[in-house]
Amino acid sequence: MGLVRGIVFFLLLLVGIGFAILNDQPVSLKYYFGWVTPPLPLFLWAFLFLLLGLILSAGWAFFSKIGLHSRIRLRRRSIAELERERDRLRVEKKFP
């Protein structure tokens, strides 16, 4: 499995380098209110926005994971309370 991952990584690296070589013309981005970015190569813009997407998705996943952990904690507490109640009812049923 490690060999396959290495080959895929190497192929993606070659594609990325080829993209960078073929798209080295400076590009400036225009936004609302007349704001214009400094001219940077197209591959750099693509890399920056890819990096921004990775950071945002990692943050989203982190906060989602925190929320899931809190829900799991609540469910475990509920299960523990229900098990205690079940055990109490079993004991009461044995000794009326």
C-alpha atoms as a PDB file:
ATOM      1  CA  MET A   1       0.000   0.000   0.000  1.00  0.00           C
ATOM      2  CA  GLY A   2       2.912   2.337   0.749  1.00  0.00           C
ATOM      3  CA  LEU A   3       4.300   1.859  -2.763  1.00  0.00           C
ATOM      4  CA  VAL A   4       0.969   2.803  -4.344  1.00  0.00           C
ATOM      5  CA  ARG A   5       0.727   5.926  -2.162  1.00  0.00           C
ATOM      6  CA  GLY A   6       4.277   6.875  -3.118  1.00  0.00           C
ATOM      7  CA  ILE A   7       3.549   6.482  -6.818  1.00  0.00           C
ATOM      8  CA  VAL A   8       0.320   8.510  -6.574  1.00  0.00           C
ATOM      9  CA  PHE A   9       2.146  11.234  -4.617  1.00  0.00           C
ATOM     10  CA  PHE A  10       4.941  11.333  -7.203  1.00  0.00           C
ATOM     11  CA  LEU A  11       2.447  11.577 -10.087  1.00  0.00           C
ATOM     12  CA  LEU A  12       0.548  14.401  -8.358  1.00  0.00           C
ATOM     13  CA  LEU A  13       3.842  16.160  -7.698  1.00  0.00           C
ATOM     14  CA  LEU A  14       4.758  15.911 -11.391  1.00  0.00           C
ATOM     15  CA  VAL A  15       1.334  17.246 -12.422  1.00  0.00           C
ATOM     16  CA  GLY A  16       1.720  20.140  -9.954  1.00  0.00           C
ATOM     17  CA  ILE A  17       5.178  21.012 -11.233  1.00  0.00           C
ATOM     18  CA  GLY A  18       3.929  20.876 -14.821  1.00  0.00           C
ATOM     19  CA  PHE A  19       1.018  23.154 -13.912  1.00  0.00           C
ATOM     20  CA  ALA A  20       3.417  25.593 -12.248  1.00  0.00           C
ATOM     21  CA  ILE A  21       5.759  25.674 -15.253  1.00  0.00           C
ATOM     22  CA  LEU A  22       2.963  26.162 -17.785  1.00  0.00           C
ATOM     23  CA  ASN A  23       1.122  28.838 -15.767  1.00  0.00           C
ATOM     24  CA  ASP A  24       3.798  31.263 -14.661  1.00  0.00           C
ATOM     25  CA  GLN A  25       2.199  34.396 -16.164  1.00  0.00           C
ATOM     26  CA  PRO A  26       1.399  37.074 -13.580  1.00  0.00           C
ATOM     27  CA  VAL A  27      -2.300  37.508 -12.841  1.00  0.00           C
ATOM     28  CA  SER A  28      -3.961  40.146 -10.674  1.00  0.00           C
ATOM     29  CA  LEU A  29      -7.389  39.471  -9.220  1.00  0.00           C
ATOM     30  CA  LYS A  30     -10.075  42.142  -9.135  1.00  0.00           C
ATOM     31  CA  TYR A  31     -12.631  42.211  -6.330  1.00  0.00           C
ATOM     32  CA  TYR A  32     -15.536  44.436  -5.370  1.00  0.00           C
ATOM     33  CA  PHE A  33     -15.051  48.091  -4.394  1.00  0.00           C
ATOM     34  CA  GLY A  34     -12.069  48.478  -6.725  1.00  0.00           C
ATOM     35  CA  TRP A  35      -9.714  46.284  -4.725  1.00  0.00           C
ATOM     36  CA  VAL A  36      -7.006  44.704  -6.907  1.00  0.00           C
ATOM     37  CA  THR A  37      -4.386  42.193  -5.756  1.00  0.00           C
ATOM     38  CA  PRO A  38      -0.725  42.426  -6.683  1.00  0.00           C
ATOM     39  CA  PRO A  39       0.151  40.369  -9.761  1.00  0.00           C
ATOM     40  CA  LEU A  40       1.267  36.855  -8.828  1.00  0.00           C
ATOM     41  CA  PRO A  41       1.765  33.781 -11.021  1.00  0.00           C
ATOM     42  CA  LEU A  42      -1.402  31.790 -11.659  1.00  0.00           C
ATOM     43  CA  PHE A  43      -0.036  28.624 -10.073  1.00  0.00           C
ATOM     44  CA  LEU A  44       0.674  30.584  -6.885  1.00  0.00           C
ATOM     45  CA  TRP A  45      -2.931  31.828  -6.736  1.00  0.00           C
ATOM     46  CA  ALA A  46      -4.155  28.266  -7.250  1.00  0.00           C
ATOM     47  CA  PHE A  47      -1.844  27.018  -4.494  1.00  0.00           C
ATOM     48  CA  LEU A  48      -2.906  29.771  -2.085  1.00  0.00           C
ATOM     49  CA  PHE A  49      -6.608  29.066  -2.575  1.00  0.00           C
ATOM     50  CA  LEU A  50      -6.017  25.318  -2.265  1.00  0.00           C
ATOM     51  CA  LEU A  51      -4.149  25.961   0.987  1.00  0.00           C
ATOM     52  CA  LEU A  52      -6.966  28.221   2.205  1.00  0.00           C
ATOM     53  CA  GLY A  53      -9.486  25.474   1.435  1.00  0.00           C
ATOM     54  CA  LEU A  54      -7.425  22.908   3.313  1.00  0.00           C
ATOM     55  CA  ILE A  55      -7.160  25.179   6.365  1.00  0.00           C
ATOM     56  CA  LEU A  56     -10.887  25.966   6.365  1.00  0.00           C
ATOM     57  CA  SER A  57     -11.891  22.323   5.950  1.00  0.00           C
ATOM     58  CA  ALA A  58      -9.508  21.266   8.740  1.00  0.00           C
ATOM     59  CA  GLY A  59     -11.062  23.887  11.026  1.00  0.00           C
ATOM     60  CA  TRP A  60     -14.562  22.737  10.096  1.00  0.00           C
ATOM     61  CA  ALA A  61     -13.623  19.110  10.787  1.00  0.00           C
ATOM     62  CA  PHE A  62     -12.034  20.056  14.128  1.00  0.00           C
ATOM     63  CA  PHE A  63     -15.121  21.873  15.396  1.00  0.00           C
ATOM     64  CA  SER A  64     -17.375  19.124  14.058  1.00  0.00           C
ATOM     65  CA  LYS A  65     -15.300  16.542  15.925  1.00  0.00           C
ATOM     66  CA  ILE A  66     -15.582  18.549  19.152  1.00  0.00           C
ATOM     67  CA  GLY A  67     -19.367  18.628  18.751  1.00  0.00           C
ATOM     68  CA  LEU A  68     -19.496  14.887  18.144  1.00  0.00           C
ATOM     69  CA  HIS A  69     -17.393  14.213  21.233  1.00  0.00           C
ATOM     70  CA  SER A  70     -19.761  16.236  23.388  1.00  0.00           C
ATOM     71  CA  ARG A  71     -22.747  14.336  21.977  1.00  0.00           C
ATOM     72  CA  ILE A  72     -20.985  11.026  22.676  1.00  0.00           C
ATOM     73  CA  ARG A  73     -20.341  12.137  26.271  1.00  0.00           C
ATOM     74  CA  LEU A  74     -24.018  12.973  26.735  1.00  0.00           C
ATOM     75  CA  ARG A  75     -25.090   9.624  25.275  1.00  0.00           C
ATOM     76  CA  ARG A  76     -22.676   7.734  27.547  1.00  0.00           C
ATOM     77  CA  ARG A  77     -24.056   9.540  30.592  1.00  0.00           C
ATOM     78  CA  SER A  78     -27.574   8.700  29.489  1.00  0.00           C
ATOM     79  CA  ILE A  79     -26.630   5.042  28.978  1.00  0.00           C
ATOM     80  CA  ALA A  80     -25.002   4.894  32.429  1.00  0.00           C
ATOM     81  CA  GLU A  81     -28.117   6.383  34.043  1.00  0.00           C
ATOM     82  CA  LEU A  82     -30.372   3.936  32.208  1.00  0.00           C
ATOM     83  CA  GLU A  83     -28.174   0.993  33.228  1.00  0.00           C
ATOM     84  CA  ARG A  84     -28.311   2.103  36.874  1.00  0.00           C
ATOM     85  CA  GLU A  85     -32.092   2.377  36.627  1.00  0.00           C
ATOM     86  CA  ARG A  86     -32.277  -1.090  35.032  1.00  0.00           C
ATOM     87  CA  ASP A  87     -30.145  -2.602  37.789  1.00  0.00           C
ATOM     88  CA  ARG A  88     -32.260  -0.904  40.462  1.00  0.00           C
ATOM     89  CA  LEU A  89     -35.446  -2.267  38.904  1.00  0.00           C
ATOM     90  CA  ARG A  90     -33.969  -5.787  38.704  1.00  0.00           C
ATOM     91  CA  VAL A  91     -33.066  -5.687  42.382  1.00  0.00           C
ATOM     92  CA  GLU A  92     -36.557  -4.435  43.317  1.00  0.00           C
ATOM     93  CA  LYS A  93     -38.170  -7.165  41.252  1.00  0.00           C
ATOM     94  CA  LYS A  94     -36.139  -9.896  42.984  1.00  0.00           C
ATOM     95  CA  PHE A  95     -36.936  -8.604  46.456  1.00  0.00           C
ATOM     96  CA  PRO A  96     -40.453  -7.174  46.502  1.00  0.00           C
END
